[in-house]
Amino acid sequence: MFMPLKQDIIIMTSRNIIIFLLITILISSCAVLAPSKHTLFTVEKAYYQSWMSDTGEKGTDVHIALVNVDGRVSFESLVFRGIKVRAVSEEKGNKVIVRGTINTGPSVIENYEYEVTGAENSLIYSFGKETFVYPLKNIERKKTRFD
């Protein structure tokens, strides 16, 4: 029966430690190169405001103020109370404002499209070829607006 010598055990252990360290370094360097999920922007404030026009049309506008936005992020849509709508974004100073309008009933908005998903409040965005979902919590309610 073969018994490894003490020096053979030390060499095998050293080799395993070196391999482990190399793998750890490789994995950590990949994490730096590829941005992790939801670190591409910071939500500064999110609120919604219901509205009613004098024509009887009514709905809700959702506003999300973002800071520290990576310029390669594209905001696709948002979900509010289970309804998914197209997101519109605009830069204002050092912020990006993302908005979405949820109409209840017939709409005079051209090309208004929505999808009832039942999903939780969230902002859907893409980075590169991947799409991500950012959960929106604590969305503040503002007083109803009458136009």
N, C-alpha and C. Protein backbone atom coordinates (compact mmCIF):
# COMPACT_ATOMS: atom_id res chain seq x y z
N MET A 1 0.85 -1.17 0.00
CA MET A 1 0.00 0.00 0.00
C MET A 1 0.89 1.23 0.00
N PHE A 2 0.49 2.24 -0.82
CA PHE A 2 1.29 3.45 -0.98
C PHE A 2 0.87 4.49 0.04
N MET A 3 1.81 5.03 0.78
CA MET A 3 1.56 6.09 1.76
C MET A 3 2.30 7.33 1.30
N PRO A 4 1.59 8.46 1.09
CA PRO A 4 2.29 9.66 0.66
C PRO A 4 3.24 10.15 1.75
N LEU A 5 4.35 10.66 1.30
CA LEU A 5 5.31 11.22 2.22
C LEU A 5 4.82 12.56 2.70
N LYS A 6 5.37 13.02 3.81
CA LYS A 6 4.98 14.30 4.37
C LYS A 6 5.20 15.43 3.37
N GLN A 7 6.30 15.40 2.64
CA GLN A 7 6.58 16.45 1.66
C GLN A 7 5.60 16.40 0.49
N ASP A 8 5.12 15.20 0.12
CA ASP A 8 4.11 15.07 -0.94
C ASP A 8 2.78 15.71 -0.51
N ILE A 9 2.43 15.53 0.74
CA ILE A 9 1.20 16.11 1.28
C ILE A 9 1.30 17.63 1.28
N ILE A 10 2.44 18.17 1.66
CA ILE A 10 2.64 19.61 1.68
C ILE A 10 2.54 20.17 0.26
N ILE A 11 3.14 19.50 -0.72
CA ILE A 11 3.09 19.95 -2.11
C ILE A 11 1.65 19.91 -2.62
N MET A 12 0.91 18.84 -2.33
CA MET A 12 -0.48 18.74 -2.78
C MET A 12 -1.34 19.82 -2.12
N THR A 13 -1.14 20.08 -0.85
CA THR A 13 -1.90 21.11 -0.15
C THR A 13 -1.58 22.49 -0.71
N SER A 14 -0.31 22.76 -0.95
CA SER A 14 0.10 24.05 -1.52
C SER A 14 -0.51 24.24 -2.90
N ARG A 15 -0.50 23.19 -3.70
CA ARG A 15 -1.08 23.26 -5.04
C ARG A 15 -2.58 23.55 -4.95
N ASN A 16 -3.29 22.90 -4.04
CA ASN A 16 -4.72 23.14 -3.87
C ASN A 16 -5.00 24.58 -3.43
N ILE A 17 -4.17 25.12 -2.55
CA ILE A 17 -4.35 26.49 -2.09
C ILE A 17 -4.15 27.46 -3.25
N ILE A 18 -3.13 27.23 -4.05
CA ILE A 18 -2.85 28.10 -5.20
C ILE A 18 -4.00 28.04 -6.21
N ILE A 19 -4.51 26.87 -6.49
CA ILE A 19 -5.64 26.72 -7.42
C ILE A 19 -6.86 27.44 -6.87
N PHE A 20 -7.11 27.28 -5.58
CA PHE A 20 -8.25 27.96 -4.95
C PHE A 20 -8.11 29.47 -5.07
N LEU A 21 -6.93 29.99 -4.79
CA LEU A 21 -6.70 31.44 -4.88
C LEU A 21 -6.87 31.95 -6.31
N LEU A 22 -6.37 31.21 -7.29
CA LEU A 22 -6.53 31.61 -8.68
C LEU A 22 -8.00 31.65 -9.10
N ILE A 23 -8.75 30.66 -8.69
CA ILE A 23 -10.18 30.62 -9.01
C ILE A 23 -10.90 31.78 -8.34
N THR A 24 -10.55 32.07 -7.10
CA THR A 24 -11.18 33.18 -6.37
C THR A 24 -10.88 34.51 -7.06
N ILE A 25 -9.65 34.71 -7.47
CA ILE A 25 -9.27 35.95 -8.16
C ILE A 25 -10.01 36.06 -9.48
N LEU A 26 -10.10 34.97 -10.21
CA LEU A 26 -10.79 34.99 -11.50
C LEU A 26 -12.26 35.34 -11.32
N ILE A 27 -12.92 34.74 -10.36
CA ILE A 27 -14.34 35.00 -10.12
C ILE A 27 -14.55 36.44 -9.68
N SER A 28 -13.72 36.94 -8.79
CA SER A 28 -13.90 38.31 -8.31
C SER A 28 -13.62 39.33 -9.41
N SER A 29 -12.68 39.04 -10.31
CA SER A 29 -12.42 39.99 -11.39
C SER A 29 -13.56 40.02 -12.39
N CYS A 30 -14.23 38.89 -12.59
CA CYS A 30 -15.40 38.87 -13.48
C CYS A 30 -16.53 39.69 -12.87
N ALA A 31 -16.69 39.65 -11.57
CA ALA A 31 -17.74 40.42 -10.91
C ALA A 31 -17.51 41.91 -11.08
N VAL A 32 -16.27 42.34 -11.15
CA VAL A 32 -15.98 43.75 -11.34
C VAL A 32 -16.28 44.17 -12.77
N LEU A 33 -16.00 43.31 -13.73
CA LEU A 33 -16.20 43.64 -15.14
C LEU A 33 -17.68 43.68 -15.52
N ALA A 34 -18.49 42.81 -14.97
CA ALA A 34 -19.91 42.76 -15.30
C ALA A 34 -20.69 43.40 -14.16
N PRO A 35 -21.41 44.51 -14.41
CA PRO A 35 -22.14 45.17 -13.33
C PRO A 35 -23.18 44.23 -12.73
N SER A 36 -23.30 44.28 -11.44
CA SER A 36 -24.28 43.42 -10.80
C SER A 36 -25.66 44.05 -10.94
N LYS A 37 -26.65 43.24 -10.76
CA LYS A 37 -28.04 43.64 -10.92
C LYS A 37 -28.38 44.81 -9.98
N HIS A 38 -29.04 45.81 -10.50
CA HIS A 38 -29.58 46.95 -9.75
C HIS A 38 -28.52 47.88 -9.17
N THR A 39 -27.32 47.90 -9.72
CA THR A 39 -26.32 48.87 -9.27
C THR A 39 -26.10 49.93 -10.34
N LEU A 40 -26.93 49.94 -11.35
CA LEU A 40 -26.74 50.83 -12.48
C LEU A 40 -27.45 52.17 -12.30
N PHE A 41 -28.22 52.30 -11.22
CA PHE A 41 -28.91 53.55 -10.90
C PHE A 41 -29.40 53.46 -9.46
N THR A 42 -29.79 54.62 -8.93
CA THR A 42 -30.35 54.68 -7.58
C THR A 42 -31.68 55.41 -7.66
N VAL A 43 -32.71 54.84 -7.05
CA VAL A 43 -34.02 55.50 -7.01
C VAL A 43 -33.97 56.55 -5.91
N GLU A 44 -34.14 57.80 -6.31
CA GLU A 44 -34.14 58.88 -5.34
C GLU A 44 -35.53 59.07 -4.74
N LYS A 45 -36.54 59.01 -5.61
CA LYS A 45 -37.91 59.21 -5.16
C LYS A 45 -38.86 58.58 -6.18
N ALA A 46 -39.95 58.01 -5.69
CA ALA A 46 -40.98 57.46 -6.57
C ALA A 46 -42.33 57.87 -6.01
N TYR A 47 -43.19 58.37 -6.91
CA TYR A 47 -44.53 58.73 -6.46
C TYR A 47 -45.53 58.50 -7.60
N TYR A 48 -46.80 58.43 -7.22
CA TYR A 48 -47.85 58.34 -8.23
C TYR A 48 -48.91 59.38 -7.91
N GLN A 49 -49.60 59.81 -8.95
CA GLN A 49 -50.64 60.81 -8.79
C GLN A 49 -51.80 60.47 -9.72
N SER A 50 -52.96 60.27 -9.14
CA SER A 50 -54.16 60.03 -9.95
C SER A 50 -54.62 61.36 -10.52
N TRP A 51 -55.31 61.29 -11.64
CA TRP A 51 -55.80 62.49 -12.28
C TRP A 51 -57.12 62.24 -12.98
N MET A 52 -57.84 63.33 -13.22
CA MET A 52 -59.09 63.26 -13.96
C MET A 52 -59.17 64.52 -14.81
N SER A 53 -59.48 64.33 -16.10
CA SER A 53 -59.59 65.49 -16.99
C SER A 53 -61.05 65.94 -17.04
N ASP A 54 -61.26 67.13 -17.55
CA ASP A 54 -62.62 67.64 -17.65
C ASP A 54 -63.45 66.90 -18.70
N THR A 55 -62.79 66.03 -19.50
CA THR A 55 -63.52 65.21 -20.47
C THR A 55 -63.99 63.90 -19.84
N GLY A 56 -63.62 63.67 -18.58
CA GLY A 56 -64.03 62.45 -17.90
C GLY A 56 -62.98 61.35 -17.94
N GLU A 57 -61.92 61.57 -18.70
CA GLU A 57 -60.85 60.59 -18.73
C GLU A 57 -60.10 60.63 -17.39
N LYS A 58 -59.68 59.46 -16.93
CA LYS A 58 -58.94 59.42 -15.67
C LYS A 58 -57.85 58.37 -15.73
N GLY A 59 -56.87 58.53 -14.86
CA GLY A 59 -55.76 57.59 -14.82
C GLY A 59 -54.79 57.92 -13.71
N THR A 60 -53.62 57.37 -13.82
CA THR A 60 -52.57 57.55 -12.81
C THR A 60 -51.24 57.72 -13.51
N ASP A 61 -50.47 58.73 -13.09
CA ASP A 61 -49.11 58.93 -13.57
C ASP A 61 -48.15 58.44 -12.49
N VAL A 62 -47.14 57.70 -12.92
CA VAL A 62 -46.09 57.23 -12.01
C VAL A 62 -44.81 57.95 -12.40
N HIS A 63 -44.13 58.55 -11.42
CA HIS A 63 -42.88 59.28 -11.64
C HIS A 63 -41.79 58.64 -10.78
N ILE A 64 -40.65 58.37 -11.39
CA ILE A 64 -39.52 57.80 -10.66
C ILE A 64 -38.31 58.66 -10.96
N ALA A 65 -37.75 59.28 -9.92
CA ALA A 65 -36.54 60.10 -10.07
C ALA A 65 -35.34 59.23 -9.74
N LEU A 66 -34.40 59.14 -10.69
CA LEU A 66 -33.22 58.31 -10.53
C LEU A 66 -31.96 59.16 -10.55
N VAL A 67 -30.96 58.75 -9.80
CA VAL A 67 -29.65 59.40 -9.82
C VAL A 67 -28.59 58.33 -10.04
N ASN A 68 -27.39 58.78 -10.36
CA ASN A 68 -26.26 57.87 -10.61
C ASN A 68 -26.61 56.83 -11.67
N VAL A 69 -27.24 57.28 -12.75
CA VAL A 69 -27.71 56.37 -13.80
C VAL A 69 -26.57 56.10 -14.79
N ASP A 70 -26.29 54.84 -15.01
CA ASP A 70 -25.32 54.45 -16.03
C ASP A 70 -25.94 54.77 -17.39
N GLY A 71 -25.21 55.49 -18.23
CA GLY A 71 -25.73 55.92 -19.52
C GLY A 71 -26.09 54.81 -20.47
N ARG A 72 -25.67 53.59 -20.18
CA ARG A 72 -25.96 52.45 -21.06
C ARG A 72 -27.27 51.75 -20.72
N VAL A 73 -27.95 52.23 -19.68
CA VAL A 73 -29.22 51.62 -19.26
C VAL A 73 -30.35 52.18 -20.10
N SER A 74 -31.27 51.31 -20.50
CA SER A 74 -32.45 51.72 -21.24
C SER A 74 -33.69 51.30 -20.45
N PHE A 75 -34.54 52.27 -20.11
CA PHE A 75 -35.74 51.97 -19.34
C PHE A 75 -36.87 51.63 -20.31
N GLU A 76 -37.37 50.42 -20.20
CA GLU A 76 -38.33 49.88 -21.16
C GLU A 76 -39.79 50.12 -20.76
N SER A 77 -40.12 49.70 -19.55
CA SER A 77 -41.52 49.79 -19.11
C SER A 77 -41.56 49.79 -17.59
N LEU A 78 -42.76 50.06 -17.08
CA LEU A 78 -42.94 49.95 -15.64
C LEU A 78 -44.27 49.28 -15.37
N VAL A 79 -44.33 48.68 -14.20
CA VAL A 79 -45.55 47.99 -13.78
C VAL A 79 -46.03 48.70 -12.52
N PHE A 80 -47.31 49.07 -12.52
CA PHE A 80 -47.92 49.68 -11.35
C PHE A 80 -49.28 49.05 -11.14
N ARG A 81 -49.47 48.50 -9.96
CA ARG A 81 -50.72 47.82 -9.60
C ARG A 81 -51.12 46.77 -10.62
N GLY A 82 -50.10 46.04 -11.10
CA GLY A 82 -50.35 44.93 -12.00
C GLY A 82 -50.52 45.28 -13.46
N ILE A 83 -50.38 46.57 -13.81
CA ILE A 83 -50.53 46.99 -15.20
C ILE A 83 -49.18 47.47 -15.72
N LYS A 84 -48.76 46.91 -16.84
CA LYS A 84 -47.48 47.24 -17.45
C LYS A 84 -47.69 48.23 -18.58
N VAL A 85 -46.93 49.34 -18.53
CA VAL A 85 -47.01 50.36 -19.58
C VAL A 85 -45.59 50.74 -20.01
N ARG A 86 -45.52 51.40 -21.15
CA ARG A 86 -44.23 51.86 -21.67
C ARG A 86 -43.68 52.94 -20.75
N ALA A 87 -42.38 52.91 -20.51
CA ALA A 87 -41.72 53.93 -19.71
C ALA A 87 -41.15 55.01 -20.63
N VAL A 88 -41.29 56.25 -20.22
CA VAL A 88 -40.71 57.38 -20.93
C VAL A 88 -39.69 58.00 -19.99
N SER A 89 -38.47 58.18 -20.47
CA SER A 89 -37.45 58.75 -19.60
C SER A 89 -36.90 60.04 -20.19
N GLU A 90 -36.51 60.94 -19.29
CA GLU A 90 -35.92 62.20 -19.73
C GLU A 90 -34.90 62.64 -18.69
N GLU A 91 -33.81 63.22 -19.18
CA GLU A 91 -32.77 63.72 -18.29
C GLU A 91 -33.13 65.12 -17.83
N LYS A 92 -32.99 65.35 -16.53
CA LYS A 92 -33.20 66.68 -15.93
C LYS A 92 -32.05 66.94 -14.98
N GLY A 93 -31.07 67.67 -15.47
CA GLY A 93 -29.88 67.93 -14.65
C GLY A 93 -29.11 66.65 -14.43
N ASN A 94 -28.86 66.33 -13.17
CA ASN A 94 -28.13 65.09 -12.85
C ASN A 94 -29.08 63.92 -12.57
N LYS A 95 -30.35 64.09 -12.89
CA LYS A 95 -31.35 63.05 -12.65
C LYS A 95 -31.93 62.54 -13.96
N VAL A 96 -32.48 61.36 -13.89
CA VAL A 96 -33.29 60.82 -14.98
C VAL A 96 -34.67 60.59 -14.39
N ILE A 97 -35.67 61.15 -15.05
CA ILE A 97 -37.06 60.98 -14.62
C ILE A 97 -37.71 59.96 -15.54
N VAL A 98 -38.23 58.89 -14.95
CA VAL A 98 -38.93 57.86 -15.71
C VAL A 98 -40.41 57.99 -15.35
N ARG A 99 -41.26 58.04 -16.39
CA ARG A 99 -42.69 58.20 -16.18
C ARG A 99 -43.46 57.12 -16.92
N GLY A 100 -44.62 56.85 -16.39
CA GLY A 100 -45.56 55.95 -17.05
C GLY A 100 -46.97 56.39 -16.72
N THR A 101 -47.89 56.24 -17.66
CA THR A 101 -49.28 56.63 -17.46
C THR A 101 -50.17 55.41 -17.57
N ILE A 102 -50.98 55.22 -16.56
CA ILE A 102 -51.95 54.12 -16.56
C ILE A 102 -53.33 54.76 -16.67
N ASN A 103 -54.00 54.54 -17.78
CA ASN A 103 -55.35 55.08 -17.97
C ASN A 103 -56.37 54.06 -17.52
N THR A 104 -57.46 54.57 -16.99
CA THR A 104 -58.57 53.69 -16.64
C THR A 104 -59.74 54.08 -17.54
N GLY A 105 -60.06 53.21 -18.44
CA GLY A 105 -61.14 53.50 -19.38
C GLY A 105 -60.57 53.94 -20.71
N PRO A 106 -61.43 54.43 -21.61
CA PRO A 106 -60.99 54.86 -22.94
C PRO A 106 -59.97 55.99 -22.83
N SER A 107 -59.00 55.99 -23.75
CA SER A 107 -57.93 56.98 -23.68
C SER A 107 -57.87 57.80 -24.96
N VAL A 108 -57.54 59.09 -24.80
CA VAL A 108 -57.30 59.95 -25.96
C VAL A 108 -55.81 59.99 -26.28
N ILE A 109 -54.99 59.29 -25.50
CA ILE A 109 -53.55 59.22 -25.75
C ILE A 109 -53.33 58.35 -26.97
N GLU A 110 -52.58 58.88 -27.95
CA GLU A 110 -52.30 58.13 -29.17
C GLU A 110 -51.42 56.92 -28.86
N ASN A 111 -51.71 55.81 -29.50
CA ASN A 111 -50.92 54.58 -29.38
C ASN A 111 -50.76 54.12 -27.94
N TYR A 112 -51.78 54.32 -27.13
CA TYR A 112 -51.71 53.89 -25.73
C TYR A 112 -51.83 52.38 -25.66
N GLU A 113 -50.81 51.75 -25.12
CA GLU A 113 -50.82 50.29 -24.97
C GLU A 113 -50.51 49.94 -23.53
N TYR A 114 -51.14 48.89 -23.05
CA TYR A 114 -50.88 48.40 -21.71
C TYR A 114 -51.08 46.89 -21.69
N GLU A 115 -50.59 46.29 -20.63
CA GLU A 115 -50.75 44.85 -20.46
C GLU A 115 -51.03 44.58 -18.99
N VAL A 116 -52.09 43.84 -18.72
CA VAL A 116 -52.40 43.45 -17.35
C VAL A 116 -51.57 42.23 -17.03
N THR A 117 -50.62 42.38 -16.12
CA THR A 117 -49.69 41.29 -15.78
C THR A 117 -49.94 40.72 -14.40
N GLY A 118 -50.48 41.54 -13.51
CA GLY A 118 -50.64 41.11 -12.12
C GLY A 118 -49.33 41.16 -11.35
N ALA A 119 -48.25 41.60 -12.00
CA ALA A 119 -46.93 41.65 -11.35
C ALA A 119 -46.89 42.79 -10.34
N GLU A 120 -45.91 42.74 -9.47
CA GLU A 120 -45.72 43.78 -8.46
C GLU A 120 -45.15 45.04 -9.10
N ASN A 121 -45.27 46.15 -8.39
CA ASN A 121 -44.73 47.42 -8.87
C ASN A 121 -43.25 47.26 -9.18
N SER A 122 -42.85 47.62 -10.40
CA SER A 122 -41.45 47.44 -10.79
C SER A 122 -41.10 48.27 -12.00
N LEU A 123 -39.80 48.49 -12.15
CA LEU A 123 -39.25 49.20 -13.30
C LEU A 123 -38.47 48.18 -14.11
N ILE A 124 -38.77 48.07 -15.39
CA ILE A 124 -38.12 47.09 -16.26
C ILE A 124 -37.12 47.84 -17.14
N TYR A 125 -35.88 47.39 -17.11
CA TYR A 125 -34.83 48.07 -17.85
C TYR A 125 -33.90 47.06 -18.49
N SER A 126 -33.16 47.53 -19.48
CA SER A 126 -32.19 46.64 -20.12
C SER A 126 -30.81 47.25 -20.00
N PHE A 127 -29.84 46.36 -19.96
CA PHE A 127 -28.43 46.74 -19.93
C PHE A 127 -27.72 45.71 -20.79
N GLY A 128 -27.13 46.19 -21.89
CA GLY A 128 -26.56 45.24 -22.83
C GLY A 128 -27.68 44.46 -23.47
N LYS A 129 -27.55 43.15 -23.47
CA LYS A 129 -28.58 42.31 -24.08
C LYS A 129 -29.51 41.68 -23.04
N GLU A 130 -29.35 42.07 -21.77
CA GLU A 130 -30.16 41.49 -20.71
C GLU A 130 -31.23 42.47 -20.23
N THR A 131 -32.35 41.93 -19.79
CA THR A 131 -33.44 42.71 -19.23
C THR A 131 -33.55 42.38 -17.75
N PHE A 132 -33.76 43.43 -16.94
CA PHE A 132 -33.84 43.27 -15.49
C PHE A 132 -35.13 43.89 -14.98
N VAL A 133 -35.55 43.45 -13.80
CA VAL A 133 -36.74 43.98 -13.15
C VAL A 133 -36.30 44.53 -11.80
N TYR A 134 -36.55 45.83 -11.59
CA TYR A 134 -36.21 46.48 -10.33
C TYR A 134 -37.50 46.68 -9.54
N PRO A 135 -37.66 46.03 -8.39
CA PRO A 135 -38.89 46.19 -7.61
C PRO A 135 -39.00 47.61 -7.05
N LEU A 136 -40.16 48.19 -7.17
CA LEU A 136 -40.41 49.54 -6.63
C LEU A 136 -41.18 49.42 -5.33
N LYS A 137 -40.58 49.89 -4.27
CA LYS A 137 -41.21 49.85 -2.94
C LYS A 137 -41.47 51.28 -2.48
N ASN A 138 -42.39 51.43 -1.57
CA ASN A 138 -42.67 52.72 -0.93
C ASN A 138 -42.93 53.85 -1.94
N ILE A 139 -43.79 53.60 -2.89
CA ILE A 139 -44.16 54.65 -3.84
C ILE A 139 -45.16 55.58 -3.13
N GLU A 140 -44.79 56.82 -3.06
CA GLU A 140 -45.59 57.81 -2.35
C GLU A 140 -46.82 58.20 -3.18
N ARG A 141 -47.93 58.42 -2.51
CA ARG A 141 -49.15 58.86 -3.19
C ARG A 141 -49.27 60.37 -3.05
N LYS A 142 -49.52 61.04 -4.17
CA LYS A 142 -49.76 62.49 -4.13
C LYS A 142 -51.25 62.74 -4.37
N LYS A 143 -51.68 63.91 -3.99
CA LYS A 143 -53.09 64.29 -4.11
C LYS A 143 -53.57 64.23 -5.56
N THR A 144 -54.81 63.79 -5.77
CA THR A 144 -55.39 63.69 -7.11
C THR A 144 -55.42 65.06 -7.78
N ARG A 145 -55.09 65.05 -9.06
CA ARG A 145 -55.05 66.29 -9.86
C ARG A 145 -56.28 66.32 -10.78
N PHE A 146 -56.93 67.46 -10.85
CA PHE A 146 -58.08 67.65 -11.73
C PHE A 146 -57.69 68.67 -12.79
N ASP A 147 -57.67 68.23 -14.06
CA ASP A 147 -57.28 69.12 -15.16
C ASP A 147 -58.47 69.69 -15.86
